[in-house]
Amino acid sequence: HVPNSGRLADLLNPHRPVWLAPGAAPHRKTAY
């Protein structure tokens, strides 16, 4: 899940490292 719906084109480039927080809610479609 990407909580910021902005474009983020300058930051989200293929193979760029990202830090993910686990999502614990059972109803989620994504785990992070």
PDB file of all heavy atoms in Angstrom:
ATOM      1  N   HIS A   1       0.847  -1.192   0.000  1.00  0.00           N
ATOM      2  CA  HIS A   1       0.000   0.000   0.000  1.00  0.00           C
ATOM      3  C   HIS A   1       0.883   1.242   0.000  1.00  0.00           C
ATOM      4  O   HIS A   1       1.853   1.320   0.752  1.00  0.00           O
ATOM      5  CB  HIS A   1      -0.884   0.000   1.250  1.00  0.00           C
ATOM      6  CG  HIS A   1      -1.697   1.235   1.404  1.00  0.00           C
ATOM      7  ND1 HIS A   1      -2.754   1.522   0.591  1.00  0.00           N
ATOM      8  CD2 HIS A   1      -1.579   2.271   2.262  1.00  0.00           C
ATOM      9  CE1 HIS A   1      -3.273   2.683   0.953  1.00  0.00           C
ATOM     10  NE2 HIS A   1      -2.568   3.155   1.968  1.00  0.00           N
ATOM     11  N   VAL A   2       0.546   2.208  -0.857  1.00  0.00           N
ATOM     12  CA  VAL A   2       1.250   3.488  -0.900  1.00  0.00           C
ATOM     13  C   VAL A   2       0.319   4.527  -0.279  1.00  0.00           C
ATOM     14  O   VAL A   2      -0.672   4.909  -0.895  1.00  0.00           O
ATOM     15  CB  VAL A   2       1.608   3.888  -2.353  1.00  0.00           C
ATOM     16  CG1 VAL A   2       2.315   5.236  -2.383  1.00  0.00           C
ATOM     17  CG2 VAL A   2       2.447   2.817  -3.014  1.00  0.00           C
ATOM     18  N   PRO A   3       0.574   4.951   0.967  1.00  0.00           N
ATOM     19  CA  PRO A   3      -0.350   5.865   1.630  1.00  0.00           C
ATOM     20  C   PRO A   3      -0.422   7.256   1.004  1.00  0.00           C
ATOM     21  O   PRO A   3      -1.406   7.941   1.157  1.00  0.00           O
ATOM     22  CB  PRO A   3       0.159   5.954   3.066  1.00  0.00           C
ATOM     23  CG  PRO A   3       1.438   5.242   3.115  1.00  0.00           C
ATOM     24  CD  PRO A   3       1.657   4.533   1.824  1.00  0.00           C
ATOM     25  N   ASN A   4       0.601   7.667   0.267  1.00  0.00           N
ATOM     26  CA  ASN A   4       0.607   8.963  -0.396  1.00  0.00           C
ATOM     27  C   ASN A   4       0.194   8.749  -1.845  1.00  0.00           C
ATOM     28  O   ASN A   4       0.905   8.104  -2.604  1.00  0.00           O
ATOM     29  CB  ASN A   4       1.997   9.588  -0.319  1.00  0.00           C
ATOM     30  CG  ASN A   4       2.040  10.955  -0.955  1.00  0.00           C
ATOM     31  OD1 ASN A   4       1.311  11.250  -1.888  1.00  0.00           O
ATOM     32  ND2 ASN A   4       2.922  11.792  -0.454  1.00  0.00           N
ATOM     33  N   SER A   5      -0.949   9.299  -2.217  1.00  0.00           N
ATOM     34  CA  SER A   5      -1.443   9.076  -3.577  1.00  0.00           C
ATOM     35  C   SER A   5      -0.810  10.003  -4.608  1.00  0.00           C
ATOM     36  O   SER A   5      -1.160   9.945  -5.779  1.00  0.00           O
ATOM     37  CB  SER A   5      -2.958   9.246  -3.613  1.00  0.00           C
ATOM     38  OG  SER A   5      -3.296  10.589  -3.312  1.00  0.00           O
ATOM     39  N   GLY A   6       0.124  10.844  -4.175  1.00  0.00           N
ATOM     40  CA  GLY A   6       0.805  11.748  -5.096  1.00  0.00           C
ATOM     41  C   GLY A   6       1.612  10.989  -6.137  1.00  0.00           C
ATOM     42  O   GLY A   6       1.810   9.777  -6.047  1.00  0.00           O
ATOM     43  N   ARG A   7       2.106  11.678  -7.094  1.00  0.00           N
ATOM     44  CA  ARG A   7       2.803  11.016  -8.201  1.00  0.00           C
ATOM     45  C   ARG A   7       4.121  10.390  -7.767  1.00  0.00           C
ATOM     46  O   ARG A   7       4.463   9.309  -8.187  1.00  0.00           O
ATOM     47  CB  ARG A   7       3.028  11.999  -9.324  1.00  0.00           C
ATOM     48  CG  ARG A   7       1.701  12.375  -9.973  1.00  0.00           C
ATOM     49  CD  ARG A   7       1.882  13.266 -11.129  1.00  0.00           C
ATOM     50  NE  ARG A   7       2.832  12.675 -12.055  1.00  0.00           N
ATOM     51  CZ  ARG A   7       3.124  13.179 -13.215  1.00  0.00           C
ATOM     52  NH1 ARG A   7       2.554  14.283 -13.586  1.00  0.00           N
ATOM     53  NH2 ARG A   7       4.006  12.609 -13.999  1.00  0.00           N
ATOM     54  N   LEU A   8       4.900  11.083  -6.956  1.00  0.00           N
ATOM     55  CA  LEU A   8       6.181  10.581  -6.453  1.00  0.00           C
ATOM     56  C   LEU A   8       7.116  10.090  -7.564  1.00  0.00           C
ATOM     57  O   LEU A   8       7.956   9.228  -7.343  1.00  0.00           O
ATOM     58  CB  LEU A   8       5.962   9.452  -5.438  1.00  0.00           C
ATOM     59  CG  LEU A   8       5.154   9.810  -4.195  1.00  0.00           C
ATOM     60  CD1 LEU A   8       4.892   8.560  -3.371  1.00  0.00           C
ATOM     61  CD2 LEU A   8       5.870  10.837  -3.359  1.00  0.00           C
ATOM     62  N   ALA A   9       6.964  10.630  -8.764  1.00  0.00           N
ATOM     63  CA  ALA A   9       7.748  10.158  -9.911  1.00  0.00           C
ATOM     64  C   ALA A   9       9.250  10.324  -9.706  1.00  0.00           C
ATOM     65  O   ALA A   9      10.040   9.524 -10.203  1.00  0.00           O
ATOM     66  CB  ALA A   9       7.310  10.881 -11.176  1.00  0.00           C
ATOM     67  N   ASP A  10       9.653  11.335  -8.976  1.00  0.00           N
ATOM     68  CA  ASP A  10      11.089  11.558  -8.757  1.00  0.00           C
ATOM     69  C   ASP A  10      11.665  10.594  -7.726  1.00  0.00           C
ATOM     70  O   ASP A  10      12.878  10.392  -7.682  1.00  0.00           O
ATOM     71  CB  ASP A  10      11.344  12.986  -8.281  1.00  0.00           C
ATOM     72  CG  ASP A  10      11.014  14.009  -9.364  1.00  0.00           C
ATOM     73  OD1 ASP A  10      11.037  13.642 -10.547  1.00  0.00           O
ATOM     74  OD2 ASP A  10      10.727  15.156  -9.002  1.00  0.00           O
ATOM     75  N   LEU A  11      10.835  10.008  -6.884  1.00  0.00           N
ATOM     76  CA  LEU A  11      11.324   9.134  -5.819  1.00  0.00           C
ATOM     77  C   LEU A  11      11.171   7.655  -6.125  1.00  0.00           C
ATOM     78  O   LEU A  11      12.026   6.858  -5.773  1.00  0.00           O
ATOM     79  CB  LEU A  11      10.577   9.447  -4.511  1.00  0.00           C
ATOM     80  CG  LEU A  11      10.717  10.865  -4.000  1.00  0.00           C
ATOM     81  CD1 LEU A  11       9.833  11.056  -2.779  1.00  0.00           C
ATOM     82  CD2 LEU A  11      12.153  11.170  -3.662  1.00  0.00           C
ATOM     83  N   LEU A  12      10.066   7.293  -6.753  1.00  0.00           N
ATOM     84  CA  LEU A  12       9.799   5.871  -6.982  1.00  0.00           C
ATOM     85  C   LEU A  12      10.307   5.440  -8.348  1.00  0.00           C
ATOM     86  O   LEU A  12       9.574   5.363  -9.326  1.00  0.00           O
ATOM     87  CB  LEU A  12       8.294   5.597  -6.841  1.00  0.00           C
ATOM     88  CG  LEU A  12       7.741   5.817  -5.443  1.00  0.00           C
ATOM     89  CD1 LEU A  12       6.239   5.567  -5.425  1.00  0.00           C
ATOM     90  CD2 LEU A  12       8.439   4.930  -4.426  1.00  0.00           C
ATOM     91  N   ASN A  13      11.584   5.140  -8.385  1.00  0.00           N
ATOM     92  CA  ASN A  13      12.230   4.628  -9.590  1.00  0.00           C
ATOM     93  C   ASN A  13      12.523   3.151  -9.400  1.00  0.00           C
ATOM     94  O   ASN A  13      12.821   2.707  -8.287  1.00  0.00           O
ATOM     95  CB  ASN A  13      13.542   5.382  -9.849  1.00  0.00           C
ATOM     96  CG  ASN A  13      13.300   6.849 -10.122  1.00  0.00           C
ATOM     97  OD1 ASN A  13      12.393   7.199 -10.869  1.00  0.00           O
ATOM     98  ND2 ASN A  13      14.081   7.700  -9.501  1.00  0.00           N
ATOM     99  N   PRO A  14      12.462   2.360 -10.485  1.00  0.00           N
ATOM    100  CA  PRO A  14      12.726   0.920 -10.356  1.00  0.00           C
ATOM    101  C   PRO A  14      14.050   0.618  -9.659  1.00  0.00           C
ATOM    102  O   PRO A  14      15.062   1.267  -9.902  1.00  0.00           O
ATOM    103  CB  PRO A  14      12.744   0.441 -11.803  1.00  0.00           C
ATOM    104  CG  PRO A  14      11.874   1.420 -12.518  1.00  0.00           C
ATOM    105  CD  PRO A  14      12.121   2.742 -11.842  1.00  0.00           C
ATOM    106  N   HIS A  15      14.012  -0.350  -8.763  1.00  0.00           N
ATOM    107  CA  HIS A  15      15.152  -0.879  -8.003  1.00  0.00           C
ATOM    108  C   HIS A  15      15.673   0.077  -6.933  1.00  0.00           C
ATOM    109  O   HIS A  15      16.716  -0.164  -6.348  1.00  0.00           O
ATOM    110  CB  HIS A  15      16.278  -1.335  -8.932  1.00  0.00           C
ATOM    111  CG  HIS A  15      15.794  -2.319  -9.948  1.00  0.00           C
ATOM    112  ND1 HIS A  15      15.448  -3.599  -9.612  1.00  0.00           N
ATOM    113  CD2 HIS A  15      15.547  -2.189 -11.263  1.00  0.00           C
ATOM    114  CE1 HIS A  15      15.017  -4.230 -10.704  1.00  0.00           C
ATOM    115  NE2 HIS A  15      15.069  -3.398 -11.718  1.00  0.00           N
ATOM    116  N   ARG A  16      14.940   1.144  -6.647  1.00  0.00           N
ATOM    117  CA  ARG A  16      15.310   2.053  -5.558  1.00  0.00           C
ATOM    118  C   ARG A  16      14.928   1.407  -4.228  1.00  0.00           C
ATOM    119  O   ARG A  16      13.853   0.842  -4.096  1.00  0.00           O
ATOM    120  CB  ARG A  16      14.594   3.383  -5.699  1.00  0.00           C
ATOM    121  CG  ARG A  16      14.976   4.349  -4.572  1.00  0.00           C
ATOM    122  CD  ARG A  16      14.475   5.702  -4.864  1.00  0.00           C
ATOM    123  NE  ARG A  16      15.340   6.252  -5.905  1.00  0.00           N
ATOM    124  CZ  ARG A  16      15.747   7.502  -5.916  1.00  0.00           C
ATOM    125  NH1 ARG A  16      15.367   8.318  -4.975  1.00  0.00           N
ATOM    126  NH2 ARG A  16      16.513   7.937  -6.871  1.00  0.00           N
ATOM    127  N   PRO A  17      15.811   1.461  -3.220  1.00  0.00           N
ATOM    128  CA  PRO A  17      15.463   0.892  -1.904  1.00  0.00           C
ATOM    129  C   PRO A  17      14.297   1.655  -1.272  1.00  0.00           C
ATOM    130  O   PRO A  17      14.205   2.874  -1.384  1.00  0.00           O
ATOM    131  CB  PRO A  17      16.725   1.076  -1.071  1.00  0.00           C
ATOM    132  CG  PRO A  17      17.788   1.492  -2.001  1.00  0.00           C
ATOM    133  CD  PRO A  17      17.155   2.005  -3.248  1.00  0.00           C
ATOM    134  N   VAL A  18      13.416   0.911  -0.644  1.00  0.00           N
ATOM    135  CA  VAL A  18      12.291   1.486   0.092  1.00  0.00           C
ATOM    136  C   VAL A  18      12.205   0.790   1.447  1.00  0.00           C
ATOM    137  O   VAL A  18      12.656  -0.347   1.604  1.00  0.00           O
ATOM    138  CB  VAL A  18      10.951   1.343  -0.666  1.00  0.00           C
ATOM    139  CG1 VAL A  18      10.933   2.198  -1.917  1.00  0.00           C
ATOM    140  CG2 VAL A  18      10.671  -0.105  -1.015  1.00  0.00           C
ATOM    141  N   TRP A  19      11.648   1.486   2.435  1.00  0.00           N
ATOM    142  CA  TRP A  19      11.456   0.917   3.773  1.00  0.00           C
ATOM    143  C   TRP A  19       9.974   0.735   3.999  1.00  0.00           C
ATOM    144  O   TRP A  19       9.183   1.663   3.810  1.00  0.00           O
ATOM    145  CB  TRP A  19      12.074   1.826   4.836  1.00  0.00           C
ATOM    146  CG  TRP A  19      13.559   1.819   4.728  1.00  0.00           C
ATOM    147  CD1 TRP A  19      14.336   2.745   4.097  1.00  0.00           C
ATOM    148  CD2 TRP A  19      14.448   0.828   5.236  1.00  0.00           C
ATOM    149  NE1 TRP A  19      15.667   2.377   4.180  1.00  0.00           N
ATOM    150  CE2 TRP A  19      15.756   1.207   4.874  1.00  0.00           C
ATOM    151  CE3 TRP A  19      14.261  -0.346   5.950  1.00  0.00           C
ATOM    152  CZ2 TRP A  19      16.867   0.457   5.209  1.00  0.00           C
ATOM    153  CZ3 TRP A  19      15.370  -1.095   6.287  1.00  0.00           C
ATOM    154  CH2 TRP A  19      16.659  -0.700   5.926  1.00  0.00           C
ATOM    155  N   LEU A  20       9.591  -0.465   4.392  1.00  0.00           N
ATOM    156  CA  LEU A  20       8.195  -0.834   4.513  1.00  0.00           C
ATOM    157  C   LEU A  20       7.822  -1.128   5.955  1.00  0.00           C
ATOM    158  O   LEU A  20       8.598  -1.740   6.694  1.00  0.00           O
ATOM    159  CB  LEU A  20       7.928  -2.082   3.661  1.00  0.00           C
ATOM    160  CG  LEU A  20       8.372  -1.942   2.206  1.00  0.00           C
ATOM    161  CD1 LEU A  20       8.542  -3.300   1.577  1.00  0.00           C
ATOM    162  CD2 LEU A  20       7.383  -1.114   1.450  1.00  0.00           C
ATOM    163  N   ALA A  21       6.619  -0.714   6.328  1.00  0.00           N
ATOM    164  CA  ALA A  21       6.085  -1.013   7.653  1.00  0.00           C
ATOM    165  C   ALA A  21       5.046  -2.120   7.500  1.00  0.00           C
ATOM    166  O   ALA A  21       4.167  -2.028   6.640  1.00  0.00           O
ATOM    167  CB  ALA A  21       5.440   0.226   8.261  1.00  0.00           C
ATOM    168  N   PRO A  22       5.139  -3.176   8.315  1.00  0.00           N
ATOM    169  CA  PRO A  22       4.142  -4.244   8.234  1.00  0.00           C
ATOM    170  C   PRO A  22       2.756  -3.721   8.607  1.00  0.00           C
ATOM    171  O   PRO A  22       2.604  -2.907   9.507  1.00  0.00           O
ATOM    172  CB  PRO A  22       4.607  -5.267   9.261  1.00  0.00           C
ATOM    173  CG  PRO A  22       6.009  -4.902   9.597  1.00  0.00           C
ATOM    174  CD  PRO A  22       6.162  -3.447   9.299  1.00  0.00           C
ATOM    175  N   GLY A  23       1.747  -4.179   7.892  1.00  0.00           N
ATOM    176  CA  GLY A  23       0.362  -3.848   8.210  1.00  0.00           C
ATOM    177  C   GLY A  23      -0.266  -5.052   8.899  1.00  0.00           C
ATOM    178  O   GLY A  23      -0.259  -6.154   8.362  1.00  0.00           O
ATOM    179  N   ALA A  24      -0.798  -4.862  10.088  1.00  0.00           N
ATOM    180  CA  ALA A  24      -1.248  -5.991  10.899  1.00  0.00           C
ATOM    181  C   ALA A  24      -2.741  -6.289  10.801  1.00  0.00           C
ATOM    182  O   ALA A  24      -3.178  -7.341  11.236  1.00  0.00           O
ATOM    183  CB  ALA A  24      -0.879  -5.736  12.362  1.00  0.00           C
ATOM    184  N   ALA A  25      -3.538  -5.395  10.228  1.00  0.00           N
ATOM    185  CA  ALA A  25      -4.978  -5.604  10.203  1.00  0.00           C
ATOM    186  C   ALA A  25      -5.342  -6.793   9.318  1.00  0.00           C
ATOM    187  O   ALA A  25      -4.837  -6.904   8.196  1.00  0.00           O
ATOM    188  CB  ALA A  25      -5.674  -4.337   9.724  1.00  0.00           C
ATOM    189  N   PRO A  26      -6.204  -7.674   9.781  1.00  0.00           N
ATOM    190  CA  PRO A  26      -6.539  -8.885   9.014  1.00  0.00           C
ATOM    191  C   PRO A  26      -7.319  -8.617   7.725  1.00  0.00           C
ATOM    192  O   PRO A  26      -7.273  -9.417   6.812  1.00  0.00           O
ATOM    193  CB  PRO A  26      -7.362  -9.702   9.999  1.00  0.00           C
ATOM    194  CG  PRO A  26      -7.873  -8.741  11.000  1.00  0.00           C
ATOM    195  CD  PRO A  26      -6.860  -7.623  11.074  1.00  0.00           C
ATOM    196  N   HIS A  27      -8.008  -7.488   7.631  1.00  0.00           N
ATOM    197  CA  HIS A  27      -8.827  -7.200   6.439  1.00  0.00           C
ATOM    198  C   HIS A  27      -8.049  -6.578   5.293  1.00  0.00           C
ATOM    199  O   HIS A  27      -8.604  -6.353   4.221  1.00  0.00           O
ATOM    200  CB  HIS A  27      -9.975  -6.270   6.845  1.00  0.00           C
ATOM    201  CG  HIS A  27      -9.516  -4.915   7.255  1.00  0.00           C
ATOM    202  ND1 HIS A  27      -9.009  -4.669   8.525  1.00  0.00           N
ATOM    203  CD2 HIS A  27      -9.428  -3.747   6.590  1.00  0.00           C
ATOM    204  CE1 HIS A  27      -8.656  -3.396   8.608  1.00  0.00           C
ATOM    205  NE2 HIS A  27      -8.903  -2.819   7.443  1.00  0.00           N
ATOM    206  N   ARG A  28      -6.765  -6.329   5.483  1.00  0.00           N
ATOM    207  CA  ARG A  28      -5.941  -5.668   4.468  1.00  0.00           C
ATOM    208  C   ARG A  28      -5.734  -6.543   3.232  1.00  0.00           C
ATOM    209  O   ARG A  28      -5.614  -7.752   3.344  1.00  0.00           O
ATOM    210  CB  ARG A  28      -4.575  -5.308   5.040  1.00  0.00           C
ATOM    211  CG  ARG A  28      -4.619  -4.224   6.082  1.00  0.00           C
ATOM    212  CD  ARG A  28      -3.221  -4.013   6.643  1.00  0.00           C
ATOM    213  NE  ARG A  28      -2.277  -3.714   5.576  1.00  0.00           N
ATOM    214  CZ  ARG A  28      -1.739  -2.520   5.365  1.00  0.00           C
ATOM    215  NH1 ARG A  28      -2.051  -1.522   6.144  1.00  0.00           N
ATOM    216  NH2 ARG A  28      -0.909  -2.331   4.393  1.00  0.00           N
ATOM    217  N   LYS A  29      -5.590  -5.899   2.082  1.00  0.00           N
ATOM    218  CA  LYS A  29      -5.261  -6.604   0.850  1.00  0.00           C
ATOM    219  C   LYS A  29      -3.757  -6.703   0.662  1.00  0.00           C
ATOM    220  O   LYS A  29      -3.290  -7.524  -0.122  1.00  0.00           O
ATOM    221  CB  LYS A  29      -5.893  -5.905  -0.337  1.00  0.00           C
ATOM    222  CG  LYS A  29      -7.400  -5.974  -0.345  1.00  0.00           C
ATOM    223  CD  LYS A  29      -7.963  -5.297  -1.556  1.00  0.00           C
ATOM    224  CE  LYS A  29      -9.473  -5.375  -1.537  1.00  0.00           C
ATOM    225  NZ  LYS A  29     -10.059  -4.709  -2.690  1.00  0.00           N
ATOM    226  N   THR A  30      -2.997  -5.838   1.339  1.00  0.00           N
ATOM    227  CA  THR A  30      -1.542  -5.855   1.244  1.00  0.00           C
ATOM    228  C   THR A  30      -0.946  -6.009   2.640  1.00  0.00           C
ATOM    229  O   THR A  30      -1.556  -5.621   3.628  1.00  0.00           O
ATOM    230  CB  THR A  30      -1.001  -4.558   0.617  1.00  0.00           C
ATOM    231  OG1 THR A  30      -1.371  -3.452   1.425  1.00  0.00           O
ATOM    232  CG2 THR A  30      -1.527  -4.362  -0.794  1.00  0.00           C
ATOM    233  N   ALA A  31       0.239  -6.572   2.716  1.00  0.00           N
ATOM    234  CA  ALA A  31       0.866  -6.841   4.012  1.00  0.00           C
ATOM    235  C   ALA A  31       1.753  -5.707   4.496  1.00  0.00           C
ATOM    236  O   ALA A  31       2.191  -5.718   5.638  1.00  0.00           O
ATOM    237  CB  ALA A  31       1.678  -8.129   3.928  1.00  0.00           C
ATOM    238  N   TYR A  32       2.039  -4.723   3.636  1.00  0.00           N
ATOM    239  CA  TYR A  32       2.986  -3.657   4.005  1.00  0.00           C
ATOM    240  C   TYR A  32       2.497  -2.295   3.528  1.00  0.00           C
ATOM    241  O   TYR A  32       1.751  -2.186   2.558  1.00  0.00           O
ATOM    242  CB  TYR A  32       4.359  -3.906   3.379  1.00  0.00           C
ATOM    243  CG  TYR A  32       4.982  -5.192   3.781  1.00  0.00           C
ATOM    244  CD1 TYR A  32       4.882  -6.329   2.990  1.00  0.00           C
ATOM    245  CD2 TYR A  32       5.698  -5.302   4.971  1.00  0.00           C
ATOM    246  CE1 TYR A  32       5.459  -7.524   3.362  1.00  0.00           C
ATOM    247  CE2 TYR A  32       6.273  -6.494   5.359  1.00  0.00           C
ATOM    248  CZ  TYR A  32       6.155  -7.604   4.545  1.00  0.00           C
ATOM    249  OH  TYR A  32       6.729  -8.778   4.938  1.00  0.00           O
TER     250      TYR A  32
END
